[in-house]
C-alpha cells in the first residue's frame, strides 16, 4: 500500500499567479506559509515558518486565482518533485545548474477565512482531480 497525501493549513503569501498553457489548460501557482511553534529549553516559545509551493490545475485553478494574499486556506494534494536546468551567468561563462523543486499538486482547497479578507467571504470547499 502506498500513500502520497499532504494536508496543509496556512496563509497565502502572495497573490496567485495564473497562466494558460498552449493546450488551454489553466495553471495557478501560489505560496503557502505554515507555522510551527514549540517551547524551548529556556521556557520561551520559538517558531518556524515554512513556505510551500502549491500548483493548481484546471477548474480548481480558476478558484485558486480568486484567492488573495493573506487568505487562510486548507490545501490537500500530493507532494511532487521535479528537476529542471537553469542557465546562470558566472563571470564570462554561462553555467547550467540543475534545480530541484518540491511542490504540492492541489486536489482540494478549502477557504477558512471568517473575515472576508480574500475574494470570496465565508467558507468554500472546492475539489478536483489533478492531472497525472
N, C-alpha and C. Protein backbone atom coordinates (compact mmCIF):
# COMPACT_ATOMS: atom_id res chain seq x y z
N UNK A 1 0.85 -1.18 0.00
CA UNK A 1 0.00 0.00 0.00
C UNK A 1 0.89 1.23 0.00
N UNK A 2 0.51 2.25 -0.79
CA UNK A 2 1.27 3.48 -0.89
C UNK A 2 0.33 4.66 -0.70
N UNK A 3 0.85 5.75 -0.14
CA UNK A 3 0.03 6.94 0.05
C UNK A 3 0.90 8.18 -0.08
N UNK A 4 0.49 9.09 -0.90
CA UNK A 4 1.15 10.38 -1.06
C UNK A 4 0.07 11.43 -0.87
N UNK A 5 -0.11 11.92 0.34
CA UNK A 5 -1.17 12.86 0.66
C UNK A 5 -0.64 13.94 1.58
N UNK A 6 -0.86 15.18 1.21
CA UNK A 6 -0.47 16.33 2.04
C UNK A 6 -1.73 17.10 2.41
N UNK A 7 -1.80 17.54 3.63
CA UNK A 7 -2.91 18.36 4.12
C UNK A 7 -2.29 19.52 4.88
N UNK A 8 -2.31 20.71 4.28
CA UNK A 8 -1.66 21.88 4.87
C UNK A 8 -2.70 22.95 5.19
N UNK A 9 -2.53 23.62 6.31
CA UNK A 9 -3.35 24.78 6.66
C UNK A 9 -2.40 25.94 6.89
N UNK A 10 -2.67 27.04 6.20
CA UNK A 10 -1.79 28.20 6.34
C UNK A 10 -2.36 29.41 5.65
N UNK A 11 -1.48 30.38 5.42
CA UNK A 11 -1.86 31.64 4.81
C UNK A 11 -1.14 31.81 3.48
N UNK A 12 -1.88 32.33 2.48
CA UNK A 12 -1.29 32.58 1.17
C UNK A 12 -0.34 33.76 1.28
N UNK A 13 0.89 33.58 0.77
CA UNK A 13 1.94 34.58 0.93
C UNK A 13 1.95 35.69 -0.10
N UNK A 14 1.39 35.46 -1.27
CA UNK A 14 1.31 36.49 -2.31
C UNK A 14 0.14 36.15 -3.22
N UNK A 15 -0.32 37.12 -3.97
CA UNK A 15 -1.44 36.86 -4.86
C UNK A 15 -1.06 35.74 -5.84
N UNK A 16 -1.98 34.82 -6.12
CA UNK A 16 -1.69 33.69 -7.00
C UNK A 16 -1.31 34.14 -8.41
N UNK A 17 -0.47 33.36 -9.07
CA UNK A 17 -0.04 33.61 -10.44
C UNK A 17 -0.75 32.60 -11.34
N UNK A 18 -1.58 33.08 -12.26
CA UNK A 18 -2.35 32.20 -13.13
C UNK A 18 -1.89 32.37 -14.57
N UNK A 19 -1.75 31.24 -15.27
CA UNK A 19 -1.39 31.29 -16.69
C UNK A 19 -2.12 30.17 -17.42
N UNK A 20 -2.15 30.29 -18.73
CA UNK A 20 -2.83 29.29 -19.55
C UNK A 20 -1.79 28.62 -20.44
N UNK A 21 -1.78 27.29 -20.45
CA UNK A 21 -0.85 26.54 -21.28
C UNK A 21 -1.32 26.55 -22.73
N UNK A 22 -0.42 26.14 -23.64
CA UNK A 22 -0.75 26.12 -25.06
C UNK A 22 -1.98 25.27 -25.38
N UNK A 23 -2.20 24.21 -24.59
CA UNK A 23 -3.35 23.32 -24.84
C UNK A 23 -4.63 23.85 -24.20
N UNK A 24 -4.58 25.03 -23.57
CA UNK A 24 -5.76 25.65 -22.99
C UNK A 24 -5.96 25.38 -21.51
N UNK A 25 -5.15 24.51 -20.92
CA UNK A 25 -5.27 24.19 -19.50
C UNK A 25 -4.81 25.37 -18.65
N UNK A 26 -5.59 25.70 -17.64
CA UNK A 26 -5.24 26.79 -16.74
C UNK A 26 -4.43 26.25 -15.56
N UNK A 27 -3.35 26.96 -15.20
CA UNK A 27 -2.47 26.58 -14.09
C UNK A 27 -2.30 27.79 -13.18
N UNK A 28 -2.51 27.59 -11.89
CA UNK A 28 -2.30 28.65 -10.90
C UNK A 28 -1.25 28.16 -9.91
N UNK A 29 -0.29 29.02 -9.60
CA UNK A 29 0.69 28.67 -8.58
C UNK A 29 0.62 29.73 -7.49
N UNK A 30 0.86 29.29 -6.27
CA UNK A 30 0.83 30.20 -5.13
C UNK A 30 1.78 29.70 -4.05
N UNK A 31 2.10 30.56 -3.12
CA UNK A 31 2.93 30.17 -1.99
C UNK A 31 2.07 30.13 -0.74
N UNK A 32 2.33 29.14 0.09
CA UNK A 32 1.57 28.96 1.32
C UNK A 32 2.54 28.92 2.49
N UNK A 33 2.26 29.72 3.52
CA UNK A 33 3.08 29.73 4.72
C UNK A 33 2.41 28.91 5.81
N UNK A 34 3.16 27.99 6.40
CA UNK A 34 2.69 27.25 7.57
C UNK A 34 3.65 27.55 8.71
N UNK A 35 3.16 27.43 9.93
CA UNK A 35 3.97 27.81 11.09
C UNK A 35 3.91 26.72 12.14
N UNK A 36 5.04 26.47 12.77
CA UNK A 36 5.12 25.55 13.90
C UNK A 36 5.75 26.30 15.06
N UNK A 37 5.26 26.07 16.28
CA UNK A 37 5.85 26.71 17.45
C UNK A 37 6.01 25.68 18.56
N UNK A 38 6.98 25.90 19.42
CA UNK A 38 7.28 24.97 20.49
C UNK A 38 7.95 25.73 21.64
N UNK A 39 7.94 25.10 22.79
CA UNK A 39 8.56 25.68 23.98
C UNK A 39 10.00 25.15 24.04
N UNK A 40 10.98 26.06 24.09
CA UNK A 40 12.37 25.63 24.12
C UNK A 40 12.84 25.33 25.54
N UNK A 41 14.11 24.97 25.69
CA UNK A 41 14.66 24.59 27.00
C UNK A 41 14.63 25.74 28.00
N UNK A 42 14.68 26.98 27.51
CA UNK A 42 14.66 28.15 28.39
C UNK A 42 13.25 28.49 28.87
N UNK A 43 12.25 27.77 28.34
CA UNK A 43 10.87 28.01 28.75
C UNK A 43 10.15 29.06 27.92
N UNK A 44 10.81 29.60 26.89
CA UNK A 44 10.15 30.56 25.99
C UNK A 44 9.75 29.84 24.71
N UNK A 45 8.93 30.48 23.93
CA UNK A 45 8.44 29.86 22.70
C UNK A 45 9.28 30.28 21.51
N UNK A 46 9.59 29.31 20.67
CA UNK A 46 10.24 29.53 19.38
C UNK A 46 9.25 29.15 18.31
N UNK A 47 9.47 29.66 17.10
CA UNK A 47 8.60 29.28 15.99
C UNK A 47 9.41 29.24 14.70
N UNK A 48 8.86 28.54 13.74
CA UNK A 48 9.48 28.44 12.42
C UNK A 48 8.36 28.52 11.39
N UNK A 49 8.58 29.30 10.36
CA UNK A 49 7.63 29.39 9.25
C UNK A 49 8.22 28.67 8.06
N UNK A 50 7.46 27.77 7.46
CA UNK A 50 7.87 27.07 6.25
C UNK A 50 7.01 27.55 5.09
N UNK A 51 7.63 27.68 3.92
CA UNK A 51 6.93 28.11 2.71
C UNK A 51 6.80 26.93 1.77
N UNK A 52 5.61 26.77 1.19
CA UNK A 52 5.31 25.66 0.29
C UNK A 52 4.84 26.21 -1.05
N UNK A 53 5.35 25.62 -2.13
CA UNK A 53 4.89 25.98 -3.48
C UNK A 53 3.70 25.08 -3.80
N UNK A 54 2.58 25.70 -4.17
CA UNK A 54 1.35 24.99 -4.49
C UNK A 54 1.06 25.19 -5.98
N UNK A 55 0.75 24.10 -6.69
CA UNK A 55 0.37 24.17 -8.10
C UNK A 55 -1.04 23.62 -8.22
N UNK A 56 -1.90 24.36 -8.93
CA UNK A 56 -3.32 24.01 -9.05
C UNK A 56 -3.68 23.98 -10.54
N UNK A 57 -4.42 22.95 -10.96
CA UNK A 57 -4.74 22.74 -12.38
C UNK A 57 -6.25 22.85 -12.63
N UNK A 58 -6.61 23.20 -13.88
CA UNK A 58 -7.98 23.14 -14.37
C UNK A 58 -8.96 24.05 -13.67
N UNK A 59 -10.18 23.52 -13.42
CA UNK A 59 -11.23 24.33 -12.80
C UNK A 59 -10.85 24.77 -11.40
N UNK A 60 -10.11 23.94 -10.69
CA UNK A 60 -9.66 24.31 -9.35
C UNK A 60 -8.68 25.50 -9.43
N UNK A 61 -7.94 25.59 -10.53
CA UNK A 61 -7.02 26.72 -10.73
C UNK A 61 -7.80 28.03 -10.88
N UNK A 62 -8.99 27.95 -11.48
CA UNK A 62 -9.83 29.15 -11.61
C UNK A 62 -10.24 29.64 -10.23
N UNK A 63 -10.64 28.73 -9.34
CA UNK A 63 -11.00 29.11 -7.97
C UNK A 63 -9.78 29.67 -7.24
N UNK A 64 -8.64 29.00 -7.37
CA UNK A 64 -7.42 29.44 -6.68
C UNK A 64 -7.01 30.85 -7.11
N UNK A 65 -7.28 31.20 -8.35
CA UNK A 65 -6.91 32.53 -8.84
C UNK A 65 -7.75 33.64 -8.20
N UNK A 66 -8.90 33.29 -7.58
CA UNK A 66 -9.74 34.30 -6.92
C UNK A 66 -9.27 34.59 -5.49
N UNK A 67 -8.37 33.76 -4.97
CA UNK A 67 -7.86 33.97 -3.62
C UNK A 67 -6.85 35.11 -3.63
N UNK A 68 -6.58 35.68 -2.47
CA UNK A 68 -5.62 36.78 -2.43
C UNK A 68 -4.65 36.60 -1.27
N UNK A 69 -3.60 37.37 -1.30
CA UNK A 69 -2.58 37.33 -0.25
C UNK A 69 -3.24 37.46 1.12
N UNK A 70 -2.81 36.61 2.06
CA UNK A 70 -3.34 36.65 3.41
C UNK A 70 -4.52 35.75 3.66
N UNK A 71 -5.08 35.13 2.61
CA UNK A 71 -6.23 34.24 2.78
C UNK A 71 -5.81 33.02 3.59
N UNK A 72 -6.66 32.61 4.52
CA UNK A 72 -6.43 31.43 5.35
C UNK A 72 -7.07 30.24 4.65
N UNK A 73 -6.27 29.23 4.28
CA UNK A 73 -6.80 28.12 3.49
C UNK A 73 -6.26 26.79 3.98
N UNK A 74 -7.01 25.74 3.65
CA UNK A 74 -6.54 24.37 3.81
C UNK A 74 -6.38 23.80 2.41
N UNK A 75 -5.24 23.19 2.16
CA UNK A 75 -4.96 22.64 0.83
C UNK A 75 -4.61 21.17 0.98
N UNK A 76 -5.27 20.34 0.17
CA UNK A 76 -4.98 18.92 0.12
C UNK A 76 -4.38 18.62 -1.25
N UNK A 77 -3.44 17.70 -1.28
CA UNK A 77 -2.85 17.33 -2.56
C UNK A 77 -1.75 16.32 -2.40
N UNK A 78 -0.94 16.19 -3.46
CA UNK A 78 0.17 15.25 -3.47
C UNK A 78 1.48 16.01 -3.54
N UNK A 79 2.50 15.49 -2.84
CA UNK A 79 3.84 16.05 -2.91
C UNK A 79 4.51 15.54 -4.17
N UNK A 80 5.01 16.45 -4.97
CA UNK A 80 5.70 16.08 -6.21
C UNK A 80 7.08 16.75 -6.23
N UNK A 81 8.04 16.08 -6.85
CA UNK A 81 9.39 16.62 -7.02
C UNK A 81 9.69 16.66 -8.51
N UNK A 82 10.36 17.72 -8.93
CA UNK A 82 10.80 17.80 -10.33
C UNK A 82 12.14 18.51 -10.38
N UNK A 83 12.86 18.28 -11.45
CA UNK A 83 14.17 18.88 -11.65
C UNK A 83 14.20 19.54 -13.02
N UNK A 84 14.82 20.70 -13.10
CA UNK A 84 14.99 21.37 -14.39
C UNK A 84 16.35 22.05 -14.41
N UNK A 85 16.81 22.40 -15.61
CA UNK A 85 18.09 23.08 -15.73
C UNK A 85 17.87 24.57 -15.91
N UNK A 86 18.69 25.35 -15.21
CA UNK A 86 18.62 26.80 -15.30
C UNK A 86 20.00 27.32 -15.71
N UNK A 87 20.03 28.22 -16.66
CA UNK A 87 21.28 28.82 -17.10
C UNK A 87 21.58 30.05 -16.25
N UNK A 88 22.77 30.09 -15.64
CA UNK A 88 23.16 31.25 -14.84
C UNK A 88 24.48 31.79 -15.37
N UNK A 89 24.66 33.08 -15.19
CA UNK A 89 25.87 33.76 -15.64
C UNK A 89 26.89 33.71 -14.51
N UNK A 90 28.06 33.13 -14.78
CA UNK A 90 29.15 33.06 -13.80
C UNK A 90 30.36 33.74 -14.43
N UNK A 91 30.48 35.04 -14.17
CA UNK A 91 31.54 35.81 -14.82
C UNK A 91 31.26 35.93 -16.30
N UNK A 92 32.19 35.45 -17.13
CA UNK A 92 32.00 35.50 -18.58
C UNK A 92 31.40 34.21 -19.13
N UNK A 93 31.23 33.22 -18.27
CA UNK A 93 30.69 31.93 -18.70
C UNK A 93 29.23 31.78 -18.29
N UNK A 94 28.51 31.02 -19.08
CA UNK A 94 27.15 30.62 -18.72
C UNK A 94 27.21 29.17 -18.26
N UNK A 95 26.66 28.91 -17.09
CA UNK A 95 26.72 27.58 -16.49
C UNK A 95 25.31 27.03 -16.33
N UNK A 96 25.14 25.76 -16.66
CA UNK A 96 23.85 25.09 -16.47
C UNK A 96 23.82 24.50 -15.07
N UNK A 97 22.79 24.83 -14.31
CA UNK A 97 22.64 24.35 -12.95
C UNK A 97 21.34 23.56 -12.85
N UNK A 98 21.41 22.38 -12.24
CA UNK A 98 20.20 21.60 -12.01
C UNK A 98 19.48 22.14 -10.78
N UNK A 99 18.21 22.44 -10.92
CA UNK A 99 17.39 22.96 -9.83
C UNK A 99 16.34 21.90 -9.49
N UNK A 100 16.25 21.56 -8.22
CA UNK A 100 15.27 20.58 -7.76
C UNK A 100 14.17 21.32 -6.99
N UNK A 101 12.92 21.02 -7.31
CA UNK A 101 11.78 21.72 -6.73
C UNK A 101 10.81 20.70 -6.12
N UNK A 102 10.35 20.99 -4.91
CA UNK A 102 9.29 20.21 -4.29
C UNK A 102 8.04 21.08 -4.30
N UNK A 103 6.92 20.53 -4.73
CA UNK A 103 5.68 21.30 -4.79
C UNK A 103 4.50 20.39 -4.48
N UNK A 104 3.42 21.02 -4.03
CA UNK A 104 2.18 20.31 -3.74
C UNK A 104 1.25 20.52 -4.94
N UNK A 105 0.79 19.42 -5.54
CA UNK A 105 -0.22 19.50 -6.61
C UNK A 105 -1.58 19.38 -5.93
N UNK A 106 -2.28 20.49 -5.84
CA UNK A 106 -3.52 20.56 -5.07
C UNK A 106 -4.65 19.79 -5.74
N UNK A 107 -5.41 19.07 -4.92
CA UNK A 107 -6.62 18.39 -5.40
C UNK A 107 -7.87 18.98 -4.73
N UNK A 108 -7.68 19.74 -3.64
CA UNK A 108 -8.81 20.39 -2.96
C UNK A 108 -8.30 21.62 -2.23
N UNK A 109 -9.13 22.65 -2.22
CA UNK A 109 -8.83 23.89 -1.49
C UNK A 109 -10.06 24.26 -0.68
N UNK A 110 -9.86 24.50 0.60
CA UNK A 110 -10.96 24.96 1.46
C UNK A 110 -10.55 26.31 2.04
N UNK A 111 -11.38 27.31 1.79
CA UNK A 111 -11.13 28.64 2.33
C UNK A 111 -11.62 28.69 3.77
N UNK A 112 -10.77 29.11 4.69
CA UNK A 112 -11.10 29.11 6.10
C UNK A 112 -11.36 30.52 6.64
N UNK A 113 -11.24 31.53 5.80
CA UNK A 113 -11.45 32.92 6.24
C UNK A 113 -12.83 33.11 6.84
N UNK A 114 -12.87 33.86 7.90
CA UNK A 114 -14.14 34.22 8.52
C UNK A 114 -14.40 35.72 8.36
N UNK A 115 -13.36 36.47 8.05
CA UNK A 115 -13.50 37.93 7.98
C UNK A 115 -13.61 38.47 6.56
N UNK A 116 -13.61 37.59 5.55
CA UNK A 116 -13.78 38.04 4.17
C UNK A 116 -12.55 38.71 3.60
N UNK A 117 -11.33 38.38 4.09
CA UNK A 117 -10.12 39.05 3.61
C UNK A 117 -9.72 38.61 2.21
N UNK A 118 -10.24 37.49 1.71
CA UNK A 118 -9.93 37.10 0.34
C UNK A 118 -11.12 37.43 -0.56
N UNK A 119 -11.02 37.05 -1.82
CA UNK A 119 -12.01 37.47 -2.81
C UNK A 119 -13.44 37.06 -2.46
N UNK A 120 -13.62 35.86 -1.92
CA UNK A 120 -14.97 35.40 -1.54
C UNK A 120 -15.00 35.25 -0.04
N UNK A 121 -16.07 35.68 0.60
CA UNK A 121 -16.14 35.55 2.06
C UNK A 121 -16.77 34.24 2.44
N UNK A 122 -16.59 33.84 3.69
CA UNK A 122 -17.18 32.61 4.18
C UNK A 122 -16.29 31.42 3.92
N UNK A 123 -16.86 30.25 3.99
CA UNK A 123 -16.09 29.02 3.79
C UNK A 123 -16.53 28.37 2.50
N UNK A 124 -15.56 27.95 1.71
CA UNK A 124 -15.87 27.30 0.46
C UNK A 124 -14.92 26.14 0.29
N UNK A 125 -15.41 25.02 -0.19
CA UNK A 125 -14.61 23.82 -0.39
C UNK A 125 -14.72 23.44 -1.85
N UNK A 126 -13.58 23.39 -2.54
CA UNK A 126 -13.57 23.06 -3.95
C UNK A 126 -12.56 21.93 -4.16
N UNK A 127 -12.98 20.88 -4.87
CA UNK A 127 -12.11 19.73 -5.11
C UNK A 127 -12.14 19.39 -6.59
N UNK A 128 -11.03 18.84 -7.06
CA UNK A 128 -10.96 18.38 -8.44
C UNK A 128 -9.79 17.43 -8.55
N UNK A 129 -9.92 16.43 -9.39
CA UNK A 129 -8.81 15.52 -9.62
C UNK A 129 -7.69 16.22 -10.37
N UNK A 130 -6.45 16.06 -9.91
CA UNK A 130 -5.30 16.67 -10.56
C UNK A 130 -4.84 15.79 -11.72
N UNK A 131 -4.28 16.38 -12.77
CA UNK A 131 -3.80 15.58 -13.88
C UNK A 131 -2.57 14.77 -13.47
N UNK A 132 -2.35 13.69 -14.15
CA UNK A 132 -1.21 12.82 -13.84
C UNK A 132 0.07 13.41 -14.29
